Amino acid sequence: GKWNRSVGMGDTGERKGSGLKRGHLTRESILREALTLVDEKGFDALSLRTLGKRLGVSQAAFYRHIPDKAALLDGVAEIIWQEVFDRCTSVLSEEGFAAGNTDWKTVFSLYAHCLMDILHSHPNAVILVLTHPMSTANEFASAARLLVQIADLGVPLPGNALGMINMVTMYVGGVAAAEVAPPAGGAAKDIDEGLAGMLAAAGPREKETLTDLLKPMDTAGWSFSHLFETGLNALLHGWDTV
């Protein structure tokens, strides 16, 4: 994306084989190791037992910080959301967005690109983020800091800003899931092969109509990045503008 820039989240130094003592465990160190496990092994590998082995502690050592699997999943999603908001606040600070010279559509586009970049960096956690919307105090605090920064830039938000943010979030998450999530039940059929077979069997009028509809794709292709940009522009500016 336009604002494709990594923003460091810090490194706890607590990785596989670190053998942390119980007294050194923190909620953040547990959650960051959990996210690293998901990144490396996939979402299905995440469990309190496996996490304990990686950190060198018993499962019981988590309970003060992470009482159960549900809290663990919410916490991993929280870490990702914090990365998204930190990316946004950093870009707003560094990319020369001038106070009084930025509109809400630019800011929402920035948010969409930051979210997509972070989801690309954690492809195994995309479905987790989609199914665990913001719910923790830390997530809302990160969002509040970003909103204050936007307000300080003098950006007036539309009256339905929360609804638009939710729509942009669902759109980005859906595109990311379509791009990176493994197909349910195994590998999907090749789309070009399916289209070719359909056109070969279609009647004259069907073939003519469908061929006309497919012409733009012959030029732009089925690129996810192109489709993402087209859909985002349509969402923010209206379909007639794309």
Protein backbone atom coordinates (compact mmCIF):
# COMPACT_ATOMS: atom_id res chain seq x y z
CA GLY A 1 0.00 0.00 0.00
CA LYS A 2 0.91 3.66 -0.23
CA TRP A 3 1.81 3.74 3.44
CA ASN A 4 3.63 0.40 3.53
CA ARG A 5 6.05 0.93 6.39
CA SER A 6 6.97 -1.29 9.29
CA VAL A 7 6.63 0.20 12.73
CA GLY A 8 8.62 -1.52 15.46
CA MET A 9 6.57 -2.87 18.32
CA GLY A 10 9.55 -3.69 20.48
CA ASP A 11 10.99 -7.13 21.18
CA THR A 12 10.55 -8.85 24.49
CA GLY A 13 13.37 -11.24 23.71
CA GLU A 14 11.12 -14.03 24.96
CA ARG A 15 11.11 -16.60 22.22
CA LYS A 16 11.16 -20.33 21.97
CA GLY A 17 13.39 -21.95 24.53
CA SER A 18 13.69 -18.80 26.63
CA GLY A 19 12.69 -20.65 29.78
CA LEU A 20 11.11 -17.67 31.51
CA LYS A 21 10.53 -17.95 35.20
CA ARG A 22 6.97 -17.50 36.40
CA GLY A 23 7.80 -14.22 38.11
CA HIS A 24 9.06 -12.78 34.81
CA LEU A 25 5.87 -13.49 32.90
CA THR A 26 3.76 -10.54 31.88
CA ARG A 27 0.49 -10.47 30.01
CA GLU A 28 2.17 -8.78 27.04
CA SER A 29 5.07 -11.23 26.89
CA ILE A 30 2.62 -14.15 26.88
CA LEU A 31 0.48 -12.60 24.16
CA ARG A 32 3.44 -11.69 21.96
CA GLU A 33 4.77 -15.22 22.20
CA ALA A 34 1.30 -16.51 21.34
CA LEU A 35 1.22 -14.33 18.23
CA THR A 36 4.69 -15.54 17.26
CA LEU A 37 3.44 -19.12 17.61
CA VAL A 38 0.47 -18.37 15.34
CA ASP A 39 2.75 -16.67 12.80
CA GLU A 40 5.12 -19.65 12.75
CA LYS A 41 2.81 -22.64 13.13
CA GLY A 42 -0.69 -21.45 12.28
CA PHE A 43 -3.77 -20.71 14.33
CA ASP A 44 -4.56 -24.38 15.04
CA ALA A 45 -1.23 -24.78 16.88
CA LEU A 46 -2.16 -22.20 19.52
CA SER A 47 -2.92 -23.63 22.95
CA LEU A 48 -2.01 -22.76 26.50
CA ARG A 49 -0.10 -26.02 26.79
CA THR A 50 2.00 -25.40 23.67
CA LEU A 51 2.58 -21.81 24.75
CA GLY A 52 3.80 -22.98 28.15
CA LYS A 53 6.34 -25.28 26.52
CA ARG A 54 7.67 -22.44 24.38
CA LEU A 55 8.05 -20.17 27.38
CA GLY A 56 9.41 -22.89 29.63
CA VAL A 57 6.68 -22.61 32.27
CA SER A 58 3.69 -24.66 33.35
CA GLN A 59 0.24 -23.87 32.04
CA ALA A 60 -0.80 -22.85 35.56
CA ALA A 61 1.68 -19.97 35.40
CA PHE A 62 -0.59 -18.21 32.87
CA TYR A 63 -3.74 -18.10 34.92
CA ARG A 64 -3.07 -14.80 36.68
CA HIS A 65 -2.62 -13.08 33.31
CA ILE A 66 -4.60 -15.29 30.89
CA PRO A 67 -7.36 -17.23 32.68
CA ASP A 68 -8.54 -19.29 29.69
CA LYS A 69 -8.34 -19.85 25.93
CA ALA A 70 -10.98 -17.18 25.22
CA ALA A 71 -8.88 -14.55 27.00
CA LEU A 72 -5.82 -15.73 25.08
CA LEU A 73 -7.58 -15.28 21.73
CA ASP A 74 -8.89 -11.84 22.66
CA GLY A 75 -5.39 -10.90 23.79
CA VAL A 76 -3.70 -11.99 20.56
CA ALA A 77 -6.24 -9.97 18.59
CA GLU A 78 -5.49 -7.03 20.89
CA ILE A 79 -1.77 -7.17 20.04
CA ILE A 80 -2.59 -7.05 16.34
CA TRP A 81 -5.00 -4.13 16.76
CA GLN A 82 -2.37 -2.24 18.72
CA GLU A 83 0.05 -2.78 15.84
CA VAL A 84 -2.54 -1.37 13.44
CA PHE A 85 -3.16 1.76 15.50
CA ASP A 86 0.55 2.26 16.18
CA ARG A 87 1.19 2.05 12.43
CA CYS A 88 -1.49 4.67 11.76
CA THR A 89 -0.27 7.10 14.41
CA SER A 90 3.31 6.74 13.19
CA VAL A 91 2.40 7.39 9.55
CA LEU A 92 0.26 10.39 10.48
CA SER A 93 3.26 11.80 12.33
CA GLU A 94 5.89 11.06 9.71
CA GLU A 95 4.22 11.48 6.32
CA GLY A 96 3.65 15.22 6.54
CA PHE A 97 -0.09 15.28 7.07
CA ALA A 98 -0.75 18.97 7.67
CA ALA A 99 -3.23 20.25 10.21
CA GLY A 100 -6.28 21.62 8.44
CA ASN A 101 -5.21 20.12 5.11
CA THR A 102 -6.37 16.51 5.47
CA ASP A 103 -9.89 15.13 5.02
CA TRP A 104 -11.58 12.12 6.56
CA LYS A 105 -11.46 10.07 3.35
CA THR A 106 -7.67 10.35 3.30
CA VAL A 107 -7.49 9.31 6.94
CA PHE A 108 -9.82 6.34 6.42
CA SER A 109 -7.80 5.26 3.40
CA LEU A 110 -4.67 5.44 5.55
CA TYR A 111 -6.37 3.29 8.19
CA ALA A 112 -7.41 0.73 5.57
CA HIS A 113 -3.87 0.43 4.19
CA CYS A 114 -2.34 0.15 7.66
CA LEU A 115 -4.82 -2.57 8.59
CA MET A 116 -4.13 -4.47 5.37
CA ASP A 117 -0.35 -4.22 5.87
CA ILE A 118 -0.59 -5.59 9.41
CA LEU A 119 -2.92 -8.41 8.36
CA HIS A 120 -0.46 -9.32 5.60
CA SER A 121 2.25 -9.57 8.26
CA HIS A 122 0.10 -11.97 10.31
CA PRO A 123 -1.75 -14.02 7.66
CA ASN A 124 -2.39 -16.94 10.02
CA ALA A 125 -4.27 -14.60 12.38
CA VAL A 126 -6.58 -12.90 9.85
CA ILE A 127 -9.60 -15.04 10.73
CA LEU A 128 -8.93 -14.48 14.42
CA VAL A 129 -9.04 -10.70 13.93
CA LEU A 130 -12.20 -10.95 11.83
CA THR A 131 -14.00 -12.95 14.51
CA HIS A 132 -12.66 -11.08 17.56
CA PRO A 133 -13.66 -7.42 17.18
CA MET A 134 -12.24 -4.85 19.56
CA SER A 135 -13.38 -5.51 23.10
CA THR A 136 -10.50 -4.88 25.51
CA ALA A 137 -9.59 -1.68 27.33
CA ASN A 138 -6.16 -1.59 25.68
CA GLU A 139 -7.69 -1.81 22.21
CA PHE A 140 -10.08 1.06 22.87
CA ALA A 141 -7.25 3.10 24.41
CA SER A 142 -5.14 2.66 21.26
CA ALA A 143 -8.09 3.66 19.10
CA ALA A 144 -8.73 6.71 21.29
CA ARG A 145 -5.13 7.90 20.89
CA LEU A 146 -5.48 7.69 17.12
CA LEU A 147 -8.78 9.59 17.18
CA VAL A 148 -7.20 12.34 19.29
CA GLN A 149 -4.37 12.61 16.78
CA ILE A 150 -6.89 12.90 13.94
CA ALA A 151 -8.80 15.57 15.87
CA ASP A 152 -5.57 17.51 16.47
CA LEU A 153 -5.04 17.56 12.69
CA GLY A 154 -8.37 19.35 12.42
CA VAL A 155 -10.02 16.56 10.44
CA PRO A 156 -13.82 16.79 10.74
CA LEU A 157 -15.32 13.30 10.79
CA PRO A 158 -18.73 12.56 9.27
CA GLY A 159 -21.63 11.99 11.65
CA ASN A 160 -21.66 8.27 10.80
CA ALA A 161 -17.88 7.89 11.21
CA LEU A 162 -18.15 4.85 13.46
CA GLY A 163 -20.31 3.05 10.92
CA MET A 164 -17.87 3.89 8.14
CA ILE A 165 -14.92 2.67 10.22
CA ASN A 166 -16.74 -0.61 10.82
CA MET A 167 -17.50 -0.99 7.12
CA VAL A 168 -13.89 -0.27 6.13
CA THR A 169 -12.68 -2.76 8.75
CA MET A 170 -14.99 -5.50 7.51
CA TYR A 171 -14.07 -4.78 3.89
CA VAL A 172 -10.32 -4.94 4.55
CA GLY A 173 -10.66 -8.05 6.67
CA GLY A 174 -12.75 -9.77 4.02
CA VAL A 175 -10.28 -9.01 1.25
CA ALA A 176 -7.37 -10.13 3.42
CA ALA A 177 -9.14 -13.37 4.29
CA ALA A 178 -9.92 -14.08 0.63
CA GLU A 179 -6.26 -13.50 -0.19
CA VAL A 180 -4.45 -15.36 2.58
CA ALA A 181 -6.87 -17.75 4.32
CA PRO A 182 -6.53 -21.40 3.25
CA PRO A 183 -9.53 -22.62 1.24
CA ALA A 184 -12.02 -24.63 3.27
CA GLY A 185 -11.82 -28.32 2.41
CA GLY A 186 -8.66 -28.07 0.33
CA ALA A 187 -7.33 -26.29 -2.73
CA ALA A 188 -9.76 -24.22 -4.78
CA LYS A 189 -10.32 -24.72 -8.49
CA ASP A 190 -8.40 -22.51 -10.91
CA ILE A 191 -10.60 -19.49 -11.70
CA ASP A 192 -9.35 -19.10 -15.29
CA GLU A 193 -10.12 -22.74 -16.04
CA GLY A 194 -13.62 -22.33 -14.65
CA LEU A 195 -14.30 -19.21 -16.70
CA ALA A 196 -13.01 -20.82 -19.86
CA GLY A 197 -15.27 -23.83 -19.33
CA MET A 198 -18.29 -21.65 -18.66
CA LEU A 199 -17.73 -19.51 -21.78
CA ALA A 200 -17.24 -22.61 -23.92
CA ALA A 201 -20.64 -23.94 -22.82
CA ALA A 202 -22.49 -20.60 -22.88
CA GLY A 203 -25.02 -19.62 -25.51
CA PRO A 204 -24.31 -16.72 -27.93
CA ARG A 205 -26.10 -14.02 -25.87
CA GLU A 206 -24.65 -15.28 -22.60
CA LYS A 207 -21.16 -15.39 -24.07
CA GLU A 208 -21.50 -11.87 -25.52
CA THR A 209 -22.79 -10.40 -22.24
CA LEU A 210 -20.26 -12.15 -20.02
CA THR A 211 -17.36 -11.37 -22.35
CA ASP A 212 -18.19 -7.66 -22.16
CA LEU A 213 -18.36 -7.82 -18.37
CA LEU A 214 -15.02 -9.62 -18.18
CA LYS A 215 -13.14 -7.21 -20.47
CA PRO A 216 -11.95 -4.95 -17.61
CA MET A 217 -10.41 -7.99 -15.94
CA ASP A 218 -8.43 -8.78 -19.08
CA THR A 219 -6.66 -5.45 -18.58
CA ALA A 220 -6.41 -5.27 -14.79
CA GLY A 221 -6.26 -9.00 -14.09
CA TRP A 222 -7.44 -10.70 -10.92
CA SER A 223 -4.85 -8.95 -8.76
CA PHE A 224 -5.95 -8.70 -5.13
CA SER A 225 -4.10 -5.40 -4.77
CA HIS A 226 -5.98 -3.90 -7.72
CA LEU A 227 -9.33 -5.21 -6.50
CA PHE A 228 -8.59 -3.93 -3.00
CA GLU A 229 -7.81 -0.41 -4.22
CA THR A 230 -10.85 -0.37 -6.50
CA GLY A 231 -13.20 -1.48 -3.75
CA LEU A 232 -11.72 0.89 -1.18
CA ASN A 233 -12.06 3.87 -3.52
CA ALA A 234 -15.64 2.87 -4.25
CA LEU A 235 -16.43 2.55 -0.55
CA LEU A 236 -14.99 5.96 0.30
CA HIS A 237 -15.86 7.95 -2.85
CA GLY A 238 -18.69 6.08 -4.55
CA TRP A 239 -18.66 3.41 -7.26
CA ASP A 240 -19.16 5.94 -10.06
CA THR A 241 -15.70 7.38 -9.33
CA VAL A 242 -13.75 4.19 -10.01
